[in-house]
Amino acid sequence: MKKVSVSATQMTCSENSKDNIDKAKNLIKQSVDEGAQIVLIQELFESVYFCCLNDPKRFELAKPFEKNP
C-alpha cells in the first residue's frame, strides 16, 4: 500500500482577493515543501466568509465556478 501525505490549510481572509490568493499560495508551497502530495484549502478563501452574515450585499462576493482560480 502506498502512503499519501495530505495537508489541510486554514487561514484568516480579508476582502482583498489578491492578498488572500497569495496567502493560500504560500500555504500550499509550505505544505508541499513539508512533503504534502495533496493540499486542501478552505472554501471561499478568496474573500471574507460571507455565508454566515446573511447580508445580501455580501452575496456579490460569490463567483461562478468558471471564474475561480
N, C-alpha and C. Protein backbone atom coordinates (compact mmCIF):
# COMPACT_ATOMS: atom_id res chain seq x y z
N MET A 1 0.85 -1.18 0.00
CA MET A 1 0.00 0.00 0.00
C MET A 1 0.89 1.24 0.00
N LYS A 2 0.57 2.19 -0.86
CA LYS A 2 1.33 3.43 -0.96
C LYS A 2 0.77 4.46 0.02
N LYS A 3 1.65 5.15 0.72
CA LYS A 3 1.23 6.21 1.62
C LYS A 3 1.16 7.53 0.86
N VAL A 4 0.16 8.32 1.20
CA VAL A 4 -0.03 9.64 0.60
C VAL A 4 -0.07 10.65 1.73
N SER A 5 0.67 11.73 1.57
CA SER A 5 0.68 12.80 2.57
C SER A 5 -0.30 13.89 2.16
N VAL A 6 -1.21 14.21 3.08
CA VAL A 6 -2.25 15.22 2.82
C VAL A 6 -2.11 16.35 3.83
N SER A 7 -2.27 17.57 3.36
CA SER A 7 -2.24 18.75 4.23
C SER A 7 -3.54 19.53 4.05
N ALA A 8 -4.06 20.04 5.16
CA ALA A 8 -5.24 20.91 5.11
C ALA A 8 -4.82 22.28 5.65
N THR A 9 -5.19 23.33 4.94
CA THR A 9 -4.83 24.68 5.37
C THR A 9 -6.05 25.40 5.94
N GLN A 10 -5.78 26.37 6.77
CA GLN A 10 -6.81 27.24 7.33
C GLN A 10 -6.17 28.61 7.50
N MET A 11 -6.88 29.65 7.11
CA MET A 11 -6.30 30.99 7.20
C MET A 11 -7.40 32.03 7.42
N THR A 12 -7.00 33.17 7.93
CA THR A 12 -7.92 34.29 8.01
C THR A 12 -7.94 34.98 6.65
N CYS A 13 -9.07 35.52 6.28
CA CYS A 13 -9.22 36.17 4.97
C CYS A 13 -9.72 37.59 5.13
N SER A 14 -9.37 38.41 4.16
CA SER A 14 -9.83 39.80 4.13
C SER A 14 -10.69 39.99 2.88
N GLU A 15 -11.08 41.20 2.62
CA GLU A 15 -11.83 41.50 1.41
C GLU A 15 -10.92 41.69 0.20
N ASN A 16 -9.60 41.60 0.41
CA ASN A 16 -8.64 41.76 -0.67
C ASN A 16 -8.34 40.39 -1.29
N SER A 17 -8.95 40.13 -2.42
CA SER A 17 -8.84 38.82 -3.08
C SER A 17 -7.39 38.46 -3.41
N LYS A 18 -6.63 39.41 -3.94
CA LYS A 18 -5.24 39.12 -4.32
C LYS A 18 -4.42 38.70 -3.11
N ASP A 19 -4.56 39.41 -1.99
CA ASP A 19 -3.83 39.04 -0.78
C ASP A 19 -4.22 37.64 -0.31
N ASN A 20 -5.50 37.32 -0.38
CA ASN A 20 -5.96 36.00 0.06
C ASN A 20 -5.41 34.90 -0.84
N ILE A 21 -5.39 35.14 -2.14
CA ILE A 21 -4.84 34.14 -3.07
C ILE A 21 -3.35 33.96 -2.82
N ASP A 22 -2.63 35.06 -2.61
CA ASP A 22 -1.20 34.98 -2.32
C ASP A 22 -0.95 34.20 -1.03
N LYS A 23 -1.76 34.45 -0.02
CA LYS A 23 -1.63 33.75 1.25
C LYS A 23 -1.87 32.25 1.06
N ALA A 24 -2.89 31.91 0.28
CA ALA A 24 -3.19 30.49 0.01
C ALA A 24 -2.03 29.84 -0.75
N LYS A 25 -1.48 30.55 -1.74
CA LYS A 25 -0.34 30.01 -2.49
C LYS A 25 0.84 29.73 -1.57
N ASN A 26 1.10 30.65 -0.64
CA ASN A 26 2.20 30.46 0.30
C ASN A 26 1.97 29.24 1.19
N LEU A 27 0.73 29.06 1.65
CA LEU A 27 0.42 27.90 2.47
C LEU A 27 0.55 26.60 1.67
N ILE A 28 0.14 26.64 0.42
CA ILE A 28 0.28 25.46 -0.44
C ILE A 28 1.76 25.13 -0.64
N LYS A 29 2.57 26.15 -0.94
CA LYS A 29 4.01 25.93 -1.12
C LYS A 29 4.64 25.37 0.14
N GLN A 30 4.29 25.94 1.29
CA GLN A 30 4.82 25.45 2.56
C GLN A 30 4.44 23.99 2.78
N SER A 31 3.20 23.65 2.48
CA SER A 31 2.74 22.27 2.65
C SER A 31 3.51 21.31 1.74
N VAL A 32 3.69 21.71 0.49
CA VAL A 32 4.43 20.87 -0.46
C VAL A 32 5.89 20.74 -0.02
N ASP A 33 6.49 21.84 0.42
CA ASP A 33 7.87 21.80 0.90
C ASP A 33 8.03 20.86 2.09
N GLU A 34 6.95 20.69 2.86
CA GLU A 34 6.98 19.80 4.03
C GLU A 34 6.53 18.38 3.68
N GLY A 35 6.33 18.11 2.37
CA GLY A 35 6.06 16.75 1.94
C GLY A 35 4.64 16.43 1.54
N ALA A 36 3.74 17.39 1.57
CA ALA A 36 2.35 17.10 1.19
C ALA A 36 2.26 16.81 -0.31
N GLN A 37 1.49 15.78 -0.63
CA GLN A 37 1.23 15.44 -2.03
C GLN A 37 -0.14 15.97 -2.46
N ILE A 38 -1.02 16.12 -1.51
CA ILE A 38 -2.35 16.69 -1.74
C ILE A 38 -2.54 17.80 -0.72
N VAL A 39 -2.97 18.98 -1.17
CA VAL A 39 -3.19 20.11 -0.27
C VAL A 39 -4.64 20.56 -0.42
N LEU A 40 -5.34 20.62 0.69
CA LEU A 40 -6.74 21.07 0.72
C LEU A 40 -6.79 22.48 1.27
N ILE A 41 -7.48 23.37 0.56
CA ILE A 41 -7.66 24.72 1.08
C ILE A 41 -9.13 24.91 1.45
N GLN A 42 -9.38 25.86 2.30
CA GLN A 42 -10.74 26.09 2.78
C GLN A 42 -11.65 26.63 1.68
N GLU A 43 -12.93 26.45 1.88
CA GLU A 43 -13.89 27.01 0.94
C GLU A 43 -13.90 28.53 1.06
N LEU A 44 -14.27 29.20 0.02
CA LEU A 44 -14.43 30.66 0.00
C LEU A 44 -13.19 31.39 0.52
N PHE A 45 -12.01 30.93 0.10
CA PHE A 45 -10.78 31.53 0.61
C PHE A 45 -10.43 32.86 -0.04
N GLU A 46 -11.12 33.23 -1.10
CA GLU A 46 -10.78 34.47 -1.81
C GLU A 46 -11.28 35.73 -1.12
N SER A 47 -12.23 35.61 -0.21
CA SER A 47 -12.78 36.79 0.46
C SER A 47 -13.24 36.40 1.85
N VAL A 48 -13.84 37.34 2.53
CA VAL A 48 -14.37 37.03 3.85
C VAL A 48 -15.46 35.97 3.72
N TYR A 49 -15.66 35.19 4.77
CA TYR A 49 -16.68 34.14 4.75
C TYR A 49 -18.03 34.82 4.96
N PHE A 50 -18.71 35.06 3.86
CA PHE A 50 -19.93 35.87 3.88
C PHE A 50 -21.19 35.08 4.14
N CYS A 51 -21.14 33.78 4.07
CA CYS A 51 -22.36 32.96 4.16
C CYS A 51 -23.07 33.09 5.50
N CYS A 52 -22.33 33.21 6.58
CA CYS A 52 -22.96 33.25 7.90
C CYS A 52 -23.51 34.63 8.24
N LEU A 53 -23.19 35.65 7.46
CA LEU A 53 -23.64 37.00 7.76
C LEU A 53 -25.06 37.27 7.28
N ASN A 54 -25.50 36.52 6.28
CA ASN A 54 -26.84 36.70 5.70
C ASN A 54 -27.09 38.15 5.30
N ASP A 55 -26.09 38.76 4.70
CA ASP A 55 -26.16 40.14 4.24
C ASP A 55 -26.16 40.12 2.71
N PRO A 56 -27.28 40.41 2.08
CA PRO A 56 -27.38 40.31 0.61
C PRO A 56 -26.30 41.06 -0.16
N LYS A 57 -25.79 42.17 0.37
CA LYS A 57 -24.76 42.89 -0.38
C LYS A 57 -23.43 42.11 -0.40
N ARG A 58 -23.26 41.17 0.51
CA ARG A 58 -22.07 40.31 0.50
C ARG A 58 -22.17 39.19 -0.53
N PHE A 59 -23.36 38.87 -0.98
CA PHE A 59 -23.54 37.77 -1.93
C PHE A 59 -22.83 38.05 -3.25
N GLU A 60 -22.56 39.32 -3.55
CA GLU A 60 -21.85 39.65 -4.78
C GLU A 60 -20.41 39.16 -4.74
N LEU A 61 -19.92 38.78 -3.56
CA LEU A 61 -18.57 38.24 -3.45
C LEU A 61 -18.48 36.83 -4.03
N ALA A 62 -19.60 36.16 -4.16
CA ALA A 62 -19.61 34.80 -4.72
C ALA A 62 -19.27 34.86 -6.21
N LYS A 63 -18.50 33.88 -6.67
CA LYS A 63 -18.11 33.81 -8.08
C LYS A 63 -18.56 32.47 -8.65
N PRO A 64 -18.89 32.46 -9.93
CA PRO A 64 -19.22 31.18 -10.56
C PRO A 64 -17.97 30.29 -10.63
N PHE A 65 -18.17 29.02 -10.70
CA PHE A 65 -17.08 28.04 -10.75
C PHE A 65 -16.03 28.41 -11.80
N GLU A 66 -16.47 28.82 -12.97
CA GLU A 66 -15.56 29.09 -14.08
C GLU A 66 -14.63 30.27 -13.81
N LYS A 67 -14.97 31.13 -12.88
CA LYS A 67 -14.16 32.33 -12.62
C LYS A 67 -13.32 32.21 -11.35
N ASN A 68 -13.22 31.01 -10.80
CA ASN A 68 -12.39 30.79 -9.62
C ASN A 68 -10.99 30.38 -10.05
N PRO A 69 -9.99 30.74 -9.21
CA PRO A 69 -8.60 30.38 -9.57
C PRO A 69 -8.37 28.88 -9.49
